[in-house]
C-alpha cells in the first residue's frame, strides 16, 4: 500500500498551500511598501547647510563655465580661452593669496611648524595658576559636580566608572596627581600625556597615550570635570575654577606632556 505522501492529490494540495503562503507574504510586503510613509522630520539646519553647498557649487560651475567660454577678443573675432591659460590664471591667483593667520590655538595642527615653535617657547608661569586654587575645604556647588559627572562619562571608558583605572588609563581614585597641583590636570587636558608615570608608589605604563579629548570644551566644563574627579572616588581636594583653565589656554596645540613636564605632587 502506498503512503499518503505518494498521493498525487496530497502533493498537489501541498503545492497549492505553499504557493498561497508565498503569495500572501508578497501581498503583505507590497502593502507595507504602498502604505508606509516617511515620518522623519526635516532638519532645518541640515537643509540650510545643503542649500549653502548648492550655492557654492553653482558659483564654482559658473566660474568654470565662464573661464572656458568663447570670448569676443575683437569685433567679429570669437575665440575660446585655452585651458592652460585658465589654469595659469588660477595658479597665479592662488600663489598671490596670503595664508590667513592663526586666530586661536585650536587651529594649530599638532606636529606642525607652529606647534613646534610654541613648544620651544618658554613654558607658562604655573605659579599664578596654582595660587588661585581655593582652600581645600571650599564648599563645592552641587551643580558643578553634576556637570563634571556628566562630562566624566566620556572618560570612564579608560579610567573606569569608579576611577579604578585600567590598561589604557591610570587610576584616578587615590591618585596623588589628581589631588596635586591643579595646573598639572589642566595642562594634561590641553596637551595629553604619554609615557610611564609614577603612581601610588609604582610605575604605571599605559597601553596608549592620553589624547587631549576635551580640549575644545569651554573653561567651565573643563573646570567642572576636574573638580569632580578631585572630589570623587574617595578623593578630596580644592575645586578647579574656570579662571585657572583660561590662564592655560596657550597650552593647546603643544606636544604631549610626559611626567618630567609636570610638577611633582
C-alpha atoms as a PDB file:
ATOM      1  CA  UNK A   1       0.000   0.000   0.000  1.00  0.00           C
ATOM      2  CA  UNK A   2       1.414   3.429  -0.912  1.00  0.00           C
ATOM      3  CA  UNK A   3       1.834   6.130   1.727  1.00  0.00           C
ATOM      4  CA  UNK A   4      -0.227   9.326   1.831  1.00  0.00           C
ATOM      5  CA  UNK A   5       2.813  11.384   0.736  1.00  0.00           C
ATOM      6  CA  UNK A   6       2.856   9.493  -2.551  1.00  0.00           C
ATOM      7  CA  UNK A   7      -0.714  10.511  -3.304  1.00  0.00           C
ATOM      8  CA  UNK A   8      -0.692  12.974  -6.249  1.00  0.00           C
ATOM      9  CA  UNK A   9      -3.649  14.818  -4.784  1.00  0.00           C
ATOM     10  CA  UNK A  10      -1.816  15.321  -1.477  1.00  0.00           C
ATOM     11  CA  UNK A  11       1.301  16.607  -3.257  1.00  0.00           C
ATOM     12  CA  UNK A  12      -0.775  18.996  -5.341  1.00  0.00           C
ATOM     13  CA  UNK A  13      -2.580  20.265  -2.227  1.00  0.00           C
ATOM     14  CA  UNK A  14       0.762  20.887  -0.509  1.00  0.00           C
ATOM     15  CA  UNK A  15       1.993  22.764  -3.564  1.00  0.00           C
ATOM     16  CA  UNK A  16      -1.103  24.978  -3.604  1.00  0.00           C
ATOM     17  CA  UNK A  17      -0.727  25.606   0.144  1.00  0.00           C
ATOM     18  CA  UNK A  18       2.906  26.687  -0.245  1.00  0.00           C
ATOM     19  CA  UNK A  19       2.049  28.863  -3.221  1.00  0.00           C
ATOM     20  CA  UNK A  20      -0.680  30.525  -1.193  1.00  0.00           C
ATOM     21  CA  UNK A  21       1.693  31.240   1.700  1.00  0.00           C
ATOM     22  CA  UNK A  22       4.284  32.837  -0.587  1.00  0.00           C
ATOM     23  CA  UNK A  23       1.590  34.850  -2.351  1.00  0.00           C
ATOM     24  CA  UNK A  24       0.256  36.107   0.978  1.00  0.00           C
ATOM     25  CA  UNK A  25       3.759  37.089   2.037  1.00  0.00           C
ATOM     26  CA  UNK A  26       4.213  39.009  -1.209  1.00  0.00           C
ATOM     27  CA  UNK A  27       0.919  40.838  -0.724  1.00  0.00           C
ATOM     28  CA  UNK A  28       1.916  41.844   2.821  1.00  0.00           C
ATOM     29  CA  UNK A  29       5.305  43.187   1.661  1.00  0.00           C
ATOM     30  CA  UNK A  30       3.656  45.115  -1.184  1.00  0.00           C
ATOM     31  CA  UNK A  31       1.078  46.576   1.193  1.00  0.00           C
ATOM     32  CA  UNK A  32       3.778  47.724   3.588  1.00  0.00           C
ATOM     33  CA  UNK A  33       5.602  49.473   0.766  1.00  0.00           C
ATOM     34  CA  UNK A  34       2.460  51.138  -0.536  1.00  0.00           C
ATOM     35  CA  UNK A  35       1.061  52.337   2.762  1.00  0.00           C
ATOM     36  CA  UNK A  36       4.251  53.086   4.661  1.00  0.00           C
ATOM     37  CA  UNK A  37       5.263  56.728   4.751  1.00  0.00           C
ATOM     38  CA  UNK A  38       8.388  58.546   5.754  1.00  0.00           C
ATOM     39  CA  UNK A  39       7.622  60.065   9.152  1.00  0.00           C
ATOM     40  CA  UNK A  40      11.079  61.533   9.678  1.00  0.00           C
ATOM     41  CA  UNK A  41      11.142  65.250  10.278  1.00  0.00           C
ATOM     42  CA  UNK A  42      13.167  67.603   8.172  1.00  0.00           C
ATOM     43  CA  UNK A  43      16.234  69.066   9.818  1.00  0.00           C
ATOM     44  CA  UNK A  44      16.241  72.809   9.085  1.00  0.00           C
ATOM     45  CA  UNK A  45      19.941  73.110   9.966  1.00  0.00           C
ATOM     46  CA  UNK A  46      20.882  70.357   7.520  1.00  0.00           C
ATOM     47  CA  UNK A  47      18.661  71.878   4.845  1.00  0.00           C
ATOM     48  CA  UNK A  48      20.318  75.265   5.351  1.00  0.00           C
ATOM     49  CA  UNK A  49      23.767  73.685   5.108  1.00  0.00           C
ATOM     50  CA  UNK A  50      22.751  71.800   1.957  1.00  0.00           C
ATOM     51  CA  UNK A  51      21.429  74.998   0.392  1.00  0.00           C
ATOM     52  CA  UNK A  52      24.759  76.684   1.098  1.00  0.00           C
ATOM     53  CA  UNK A  53      26.639  73.805  -0.543  1.00  0.00           C
ATOM     54  CA  UNK A  54      24.436  74.047  -3.617  1.00  0.00           C
ATOM     55  CA  UNK A  55      25.086  77.786  -3.844  1.00  0.00           C
ATOM     56  CA  UNK A  56      28.842  77.223  -3.637  1.00  0.00           C
ATOM     57  CA  UNK A  57      28.670  74.503  -6.294  1.00  0.00           C
ATOM     58  CA  UNK A  58      26.624  76.766  -8.541  1.00  0.00           C
ATOM     59  CA  UNK A  59      29.161  79.577  -8.176  1.00  0.00           C
ATOM     60  CA  UNK A  60      32.061  77.248  -8.974  1.00  0.00           C
ATOM     61  CA  UNK A  61      30.282  75.807 -12.020  1.00  0.00           C
ATOM     62  CA  UNK A  62      29.505  79.274 -13.352  1.00  0.00           C
ATOM     63  CA  UNK A  63      33.109  80.380 -12.843  1.00  0.00           C
ATOM     64  CA  UNK A  64      34.443  77.334 -14.658  1.00  0.00           C
ATOM     65  CA  UNK A  65      31.962  77.791 -17.481  1.00  0.00           C
ATOM     66  CA  UNK A  66      32.956  81.432 -17.837  1.00  0.00           C
ATOM     67  CA  UNK A  67      36.642  80.505 -17.830  1.00  0.00           C
ATOM     68  CA  UNK A  68      36.288  78.055 -20.719  1.00  0.00           C
ATOM     69  CA  UNK A  69      33.652  80.003 -22.627  1.00  0.00           C
ATOM     70  CA  UNK A  70      34.113  81.577 -26.015  1.00  0.00           C
ATOM     71  CA  UNK A  71      35.059  85.240 -25.834  1.00  0.00           C
ATOM     72  CA  UNK A  72      34.975  88.008 -28.403  1.00  0.00           C
ATOM     73  CA  UNK A  73      38.558  89.304 -28.435  1.00  0.00           C
ATOM     74  CA  UNK A  74      37.740  91.879 -31.089  1.00  0.00           C
ATOM     75  CA  UNK A  75      34.731  92.726 -33.149  1.00  0.00           C
ATOM     76  CA  UNK A  76      33.832  89.803 -35.325  1.00  0.00           C
ATOM     77  CA  UNK A  77      36.525  87.535 -33.837  1.00  0.00           C
ATOM     78  CA  UNK A  78      35.496  84.995 -31.189  1.00  0.00           C
ATOM     79  CA  UNK A  79      37.907  82.511 -29.638  1.00  0.00           C
ATOM     80  CA  UNK A  80      37.834  80.034 -26.777  1.00  0.00           C
ATOM     81  CA  UNK A  81      40.201  80.623 -23.893  1.00  0.00           C
ATOM     82  CA  UNK A  82      42.857  77.861 -23.879  1.00  0.00           C
ATOM     83  CA  UNK A  83      42.624  75.651 -20.772  1.00  0.00           C
ATOM     84  CA  UNK A  84      46.287  76.192 -19.907  1.00  0.00           C
ATOM     85  CA  UNK A  85      45.666  79.936 -19.709  1.00  0.00           C
ATOM     86  CA  UNK A  86      42.805  79.318 -17.286  1.00  0.00           C
ATOM     87  CA  UNK A  87      44.954  77.082 -15.105  1.00  0.00           C
ATOM     88  CA  UNK A  88      47.802  79.594 -15.175  1.00  0.00           C
ATOM     89  CA  UNK A  89      45.430  82.349 -14.095  1.00  0.00           C
ATOM     90  CA  UNK A  90      44.051  80.257 -11.259  1.00  0.00           C
ATOM     91  CA  UNK A  91      47.555  79.281 -10.172  1.00  0.00           C
ATOM     92  CA  UNK A  92      48.698  82.898 -10.110  1.00  0.00           C
ATOM     93  CA  UNK A  93      45.650  83.815  -8.076  1.00  0.00           C
ATOM     94  CA  UNK A  94      46.343  81.098  -5.506  1.00  0.00           C
ATOM     95  CA  UNK A  95      50.029  81.944  -5.244  1.00  0.00           C
ATOM     96  CA  UNK A  96      49.297  85.630  -4.735  1.00  0.00           C
ATOM     97  CA  UNK A  97      46.979  84.946  -1.819  1.00  0.00           C
ATOM     98  CA  UNK A  98      48.481  85.192   1.645  1.00  0.00           C
ATOM     99  CA  UNK A  99      47.687  82.449   4.157  1.00  0.00           C
ATOM    100  CA  UNK A 100      45.364  83.504   6.937  1.00  0.00           C
ATOM    101  CA  UNK A 101      46.964  83.901  10.309  1.00  0.00           C
ATOM    102  CA  UNK A 102      46.081  81.504  13.101  1.00  0.00           C
ATOM    103  CA  UNK A 103      43.309  83.162  15.090  1.00  0.00           C
ATOM    104  CA  UNK A 104      43.417  80.861  18.115  1.00  0.00           C
ATOM    105  CA  UNK A 105      45.360  77.868  19.399  1.00  0.00           C
ATOM    106  CA  UNK A 106      42.609  75.425  18.412  1.00  0.00           C
ATOM    107  CA  UNK A 107      43.618  75.968  14.748  1.00  0.00           C
ATOM    108  CA  UNK A 108      47.191  74.795  15.303  1.00  0.00           C
ATOM    109  CA  UNK A 109      47.961  71.485  13.590  1.00  0.00           C
ATOM    110  CA  UNK A 110      49.720  69.132  16.043  1.00  0.00           C
ATOM    111  CA  UNK A 111      53.229  68.298  14.891  1.00  0.00           C
ATOM    112  CA  UNK A 112      53.363  71.263  12.512  1.00  0.00           C
ATOM    113  CA  UNK A 113      55.800  74.149  12.364  1.00  0.00           C
ATOM    114  CA  UNK A 114      53.711  76.446  14.535  1.00  0.00           C
ATOM    115  CA  UNK A 115      53.224  73.724  17.132  1.00  0.00           C
ATOM    116  CA  UNK A 116      56.985  73.163  17.209  1.00  0.00           C
ATOM    117  CA  UNK A 117      57.641  76.874  17.636  1.00  0.00           C
ATOM    118  CA  UNK A 118      55.181  77.035  20.514  1.00  0.00           C
ATOM    119  CA  UNK A 119      56.808  74.010  22.123  1.00  0.00           C
ATOM    120  CA  UNK A 120      60.204  75.742  22.014  1.00  0.00           C
ATOM    121  CA  UNK A 121      58.822  78.832  23.689  1.00  0.00           C
ATOM    122  CA  UNK A 122      59.246  79.285  27.392  1.00  0.00           C
ATOM    123  CA  UNK A 123      56.539  77.454  29.285  1.00  0.00           C
ATOM    124  CA  UNK A 124      53.816  79.338  31.129  1.00  0.00           C
ATOM    125  CA  UNK A 125      54.320  80.526  34.672  1.00  0.00           C
ATOM    126  CA  UNK A 126      52.315  77.950  36.603  1.00  0.00           C
ATOM    127  CA  UNK A 127      52.731  79.684  39.953  1.00  0.00           C
ATOM    128  CA  UNK A 128      49.896  82.205  39.468  1.00  0.00           C
ATOM    129  CA  UNK A 129      47.604  79.414  38.230  1.00  0.00           C
ATOM    130  CA  UNK A 130      48.092  77.202  41.276  1.00  0.00           C
ATOM    131  CA  UNK A 131      47.987  80.233  43.542  1.00  0.00           C
ATOM    132  CA  UNK A 132      44.356  80.781  42.529  1.00  0.00           C
ATOM    133  CA  UNK A 133      43.377  77.331  43.820  1.00  0.00           C
ATOM    134  CA  UNK A 134      40.769  77.784  46.557  1.00  0.00           C
ATOM    135  CA  UNK A 135      41.192  76.356  50.017  1.00  0.00           C
ATOM    136  CA  UNK A 136      40.804  72.606  50.351  1.00  0.00           C
ATOM    137  CA  UNK A 137      37.676  72.966  52.496  1.00  0.00           C
ATOM    138  CA  UNK A 138      35.916  75.261  49.998  1.00  0.00           C
ATOM    139  CA  UNK A 139      32.261  74.309  49.517  1.00  0.00           C
ATOM    140  CA  UNK A 140      31.586  72.978  46.025  1.00  0.00           C
ATOM    141  CA  UNK A 141      28.457  73.884  44.105  1.00  0.00           C
ATOM    142  CA  UNK A 142      26.394  70.695  43.527  1.00  0.00           C
ATOM    143  CA  UNK A 143      25.617  71.928  40.002  1.00  0.00           C
ATOM    144  CA  UNK A 144      29.347  71.966  39.236  1.00  0.00           C
ATOM    145  CA  UNK A 145      29.705  68.388  40.469  1.00  0.00           C
ATOM    146  CA  UNK A 146      26.702  67.290  38.406  1.00  0.00           C
ATOM    147  CA  UNK A 147      28.147  68.899  35.294  1.00  0.00           C
ATOM    148  CA  UNK A 148      31.529  67.317  35.950  1.00  0.00           C
ATOM    149  CA  UNK A 149      29.966  63.903  36.458  1.00  0.00           C
ATOM    150  CA  UNK A 150      28.144  64.176  33.119  1.00  0.00           C
ATOM    151  CA  UNK A 151      31.365  65.126  31.352  1.00  0.00           C
ATOM    152  CA  UNK A 152      33.247  62.280  33.055  1.00  0.00           C
ATOM    153  CA  UNK A 153      31.053  59.819  31.128  1.00  0.00           C
ATOM    154  CA  UNK A 154      33.488  60.118  28.208  1.00  0.00           C
ATOM    155  CA  UNK A 155      36.469  59.497  30.494  1.00  0.00           C
ATOM    156  CA  UNK A 156      35.263  56.374  32.284  1.00  0.00           C
ATOM    157  CA  UNK A 157      35.967  54.104  29.312  1.00  0.00           C
ATOM    158  CA  UNK A 158      39.689  54.413  30.110  1.00  0.00           C
ATOM    159  CA  UNK A 159      39.716  55.447  33.773  1.00  0.00           C
ATOM    160  CA  UNK A 160      36.832  53.243  34.898  1.00  0.00           C
ATOM    161  CA  UNK A 161      33.397  54.249  36.237  1.00  0.00           C
ATOM    162  CA  UNK A 162      34.782  54.363  39.781  1.00  0.00           C
ATOM    163  CA  UNK A 163      38.143  55.865  38.800  1.00  0.00           C
ATOM    164  CA  UNK A 164      39.815  52.496  39.314  1.00  0.00           C
ATOM    165  CA  UNK A 165      41.842  52.757  36.099  1.00  0.00           C
ATOM    166  CA  UNK A 166      42.863  50.019  33.720  1.00  0.00           C
ATOM    167  CA  UNK A 167      45.354  49.088  30.999  1.00  0.00           C
ATOM    168  CA  UNK A 168      44.584  52.221  28.970  1.00  0.00           C
ATOM    169  CA  UNK A 169      44.052  54.890  31.650  1.00  0.00           C
ATOM    170  CA  UNK A 170      45.649  55.301  35.090  1.00  0.00           C
ATOM    171  CA  UNK A 171      43.616  55.145  38.281  1.00  0.00           C
ATOM    172  CA  UNK A 172      42.090  58.395  39.487  1.00  0.00           C
ATOM    173  CA  UNK A 173      40.993  57.081  42.866  1.00  0.00           C
ATOM    174  CA  UNK A 174      43.645  57.859  45.458  1.00  0.00           C
ATOM    175  CA  UNK A 175      45.958  59.381  42.815  1.00  0.00           C
ATOM    176  CA  UNK A 176      48.369  61.971  44.121  1.00  0.00           C
ATOM    177  CA  UNK A 177      48.360  63.561  40.662  1.00  0.00           C
ATOM    178  CA  UNK A 178      44.596  64.137  40.824  1.00  0.00           C
ATOM    179  CA  UNK A 179      44.716  65.884  44.199  1.00  0.00           C
ATOM    180  CA  UNK A 180      48.041  67.606  43.477  1.00  0.00           C
ATOM    181  CA  UNK A 181      48.718  70.885  41.655  1.00  0.00           C
ATOM    182  CA  UNK A 182      45.748  71.986  39.561  1.00  0.00           C
ATOM    183  CA  UNK A 183      47.996  73.180  36.733  1.00  0.00           C
ATOM    184  CA  UNK A 184      49.046  69.578  36.031  1.00  0.00           C
ATOM    185  CA  UNK A 185      45.497  68.462  35.363  1.00  0.00           C
ATOM    186  CA  UNK A 186      44.622  71.454  33.203  1.00  0.00           C
ATOM    187  CA  UNK A 187      47.730  71.076  31.046  1.00  0.00           C
ATOM    188  CA  UNK A 188      47.016  67.373  30.558  1.00  0.00           C
ATOM    189  CA  UNK A 189      43.534  68.234  29.275  1.00  0.00           C
ATOM    190  CA  UNK A 190      45.015  70.567  26.663  1.00  0.00           C
ATOM    191  CA  UNK A 191      48.107  68.591  25.652  1.00  0.00           C
ATOM    192  CA  UNK A 192      47.547  64.968  26.649  1.00  0.00           C
ATOM    193  CA  UNK A 193      50.023  62.710  28.447  1.00  0.00           C
ATOM    194  CA  UNK A 194      52.313  59.958  27.224  1.00  0.00           C
ATOM    195  CA  UNK A 195      54.851  57.568  28.661  1.00  0.00           C
ATOM    196  CA  UNK A 196      55.179  55.937  32.070  1.00  0.00           C
ATOM    197  CA  UNK A 197      54.278  57.800  35.228  1.00  0.00           C
ATOM    198  CA  UNK A 198      54.873  57.090  38.916  1.00  0.00           C
ATOM    199  CA  UNK A 199      51.528  56.453  40.552  1.00  0.00           C
ATOM    200  CA  UNK A 200      50.857  55.404  44.156  1.00  0.00           C
ATOM    201  CA  UNK A 201      54.345  54.030  44.661  1.00  0.00           C
ATOM    202  CA  UNK A 202      54.545  52.119  41.365  1.00  0.00           C
ATOM    203  CA  UNK A 203      55.341  52.874  37.736  1.00  0.00           C
ATOM    204  CA  UNK A 204      52.285  52.865  35.521  1.00  0.00           C
ATOM    205  CA  UNK A 205      52.773  52.496  31.756  1.00  0.00           C
ATOM    206  CA  UNK A 206      49.575  52.907  29.704  1.00  0.00           C
ATOM    207  CA  UNK A 207      48.950  50.953  26.527  1.00  0.00           C
ATOM    208  CA  UNK A 208      48.275  54.203  24.681  1.00  0.00           C
ATOM    209  CA  UNK A 209      48.871  57.886  25.418  1.00  0.00           C
ATOM    210  CA  UNK A 210      46.083  60.079  26.694  1.00  0.00           C
ATOM    211  CA  UNK A 211      44.940  62.482  23.991  1.00  0.00           C
ATOM    212  CA  UNK A 212      43.502  65.949  24.720  1.00  0.00           C
ATOM    213  CA  UNK A 213      39.947  64.721  24.180  1.00  0.00           C
ATOM    214  CA  UNK A 214      38.151  67.625  25.901  1.00  0.00           C
ATOM    215  CA  UNK A 215      40.480  70.436  24.876  1.00  0.00           C
ATOM    216  CA  UNK A 216      37.796  72.033  22.708  1.00  0.00           C
ATOM    217  CA  UNK A 217      35.322  72.370  25.565  1.00  0.00           C
ATOM    218  CA  UNK A 218      34.813  75.631  27.397  1.00  0.00           C
ATOM    219  CA  UNK A 219      36.604  76.648  30.579  1.00  0.00           C
ATOM    220  CA  UNK A 220      33.589  75.960  32.823  1.00  0.00           C
ATOM    221  CA  UNK A 221      33.196  72.379  31.546  1.00  0.00           C
ATOM    222  CA  UNK A 222      36.870  71.511  31.989  1.00  0.00           C
ATOM    223  CA  UNK A 223      36.923  73.053  35.466  1.00  0.00           C
ATOM    224  CA  UNK A 224      33.803  71.081  36.395  1.00  0.00           C
ATOM    225  CA  UNK A 225      35.116  67.664  35.342  1.00  0.00           C
ATOM    226  CA  UNK A 226      38.445  68.267  37.091  1.00  0.00           C
ATOM    227  CA  UNK A 227      36.607  69.371  40.226  1.00  0.00           C
ATOM    228  CA  UNK A 228      34.528  66.196  40.015  1.00  0.00           C
ATOM    229  CA  UNK A 229      37.485  63.783  39.844  1.00  0.00           C
ATOM    230  CA  UNK A 230      39.260  65.697  42.641  1.00  0.00           C
ATOM    231  CA  UNK A 231      36.245  65.125  44.879  1.00  0.00           C
ATOM    232  CA  UNK A 232      35.070  61.644  43.875  1.00  0.00           C
ATOM    233  CA  UNK A 233      36.288  58.048  44.264  1.00  0.00           C
ATOM    234  CA  UNK A 234      37.481  58.839  47.790  1.00  0.00           C
ATOM    235  CA  UNK A 235      39.448  61.914  46.695  1.00  0.00           C
ATOM    236  CA  UNK A 236      39.103  65.238  48.489  1.00  0.00           C
ATOM    237  CA  UNK A 237      40.739  68.391  47.165  1.00  0.00           C
ATOM    238  CA  UNK A 238      40.023  72.002  46.321  1.00  0.00           C
ATOM    239  CA  UNK A 239      37.838  72.743  43.293  1.00  0.00           C
ATOM    240  CA  UNK A 240      39.203  73.960  39.980  1.00  0.00           C
ATOM    241  CA  UNK A 241      37.910  77.348  38.827  1.00  0.00           C
ATOM    242  CA  UNK A 242      37.366  78.410  35.189  1.00  0.00           C
ATOM    243  CA  UNK A 243      39.849  81.296  35.544  1.00  0.00           C
ATOM    244  CA  UNK A 244      42.652  78.767  36.047  1.00  0.00           C
ATOM    245  CA  UNK A 245      41.674  76.899  32.875  1.00  0.00           C
ATOM    246  CA  UNK A 246      41.563  80.129  30.902  1.00  0.00           C
ATOM    247  CA  UNK A 247      45.084  81.064  32.013  1.00  0.00           C
ATOM    248  CA  UNK A 248      46.480  77.886  30.413  1.00  0.00           C
ATOM    249  CA  UNK A 249      44.666  78.016  27.065  1.00  0.00           C
ATOM    250  CA  UNK A 250      48.018  78.766  25.439  1.00  0.00           C
ATOM    251  CA  UNK A 251      48.998  75.132  26.110  1.00  0.00           C
ATOM    252  CA  UNK A 252      46.545  73.958  23.467  1.00  0.00           C
ATOM    253  CA  UNK A 253      48.291  72.577  20.391  1.00  0.00           C
ATOM    254  CA  UNK A 254      51.635  71.886  22.054  1.00  0.00           C
ATOM    255  CA  UNK A 255      53.199  68.388  22.053  1.00  0.00           C
ATOM    256  CA  UNK A 256      52.066  65.787  24.557  1.00  0.00           C
ATOM    257  CA  UNK A 257      53.370  66.031  28.094  1.00  0.00           C
ATOM    258  CA  UNK A 258      55.459  63.477  29.945  1.00  0.00           C
ATOM    259  CA  UNK A 259      55.888  63.047  33.683  1.00  0.00           C
ATOM    260  CA  UNK A 260      59.030  65.174  33.513  1.00  0.00           C
ATOM    261  CA  UNK A 261      56.941  68.145  32.313  1.00  0.00           C
ATOM    262  CA  UNK A 262      54.657  68.054  35.348  1.00  0.00           C
ATOM    263  CA  UNK A 263      55.001  69.448  38.845  1.00  0.00           C
ATOM    264  CA  UNK A 264      55.548  66.573  41.233  1.00  0.00           C
ATOM    265  CA  UNK A 265      52.670  66.364  43.707  1.00  0.00           C
END
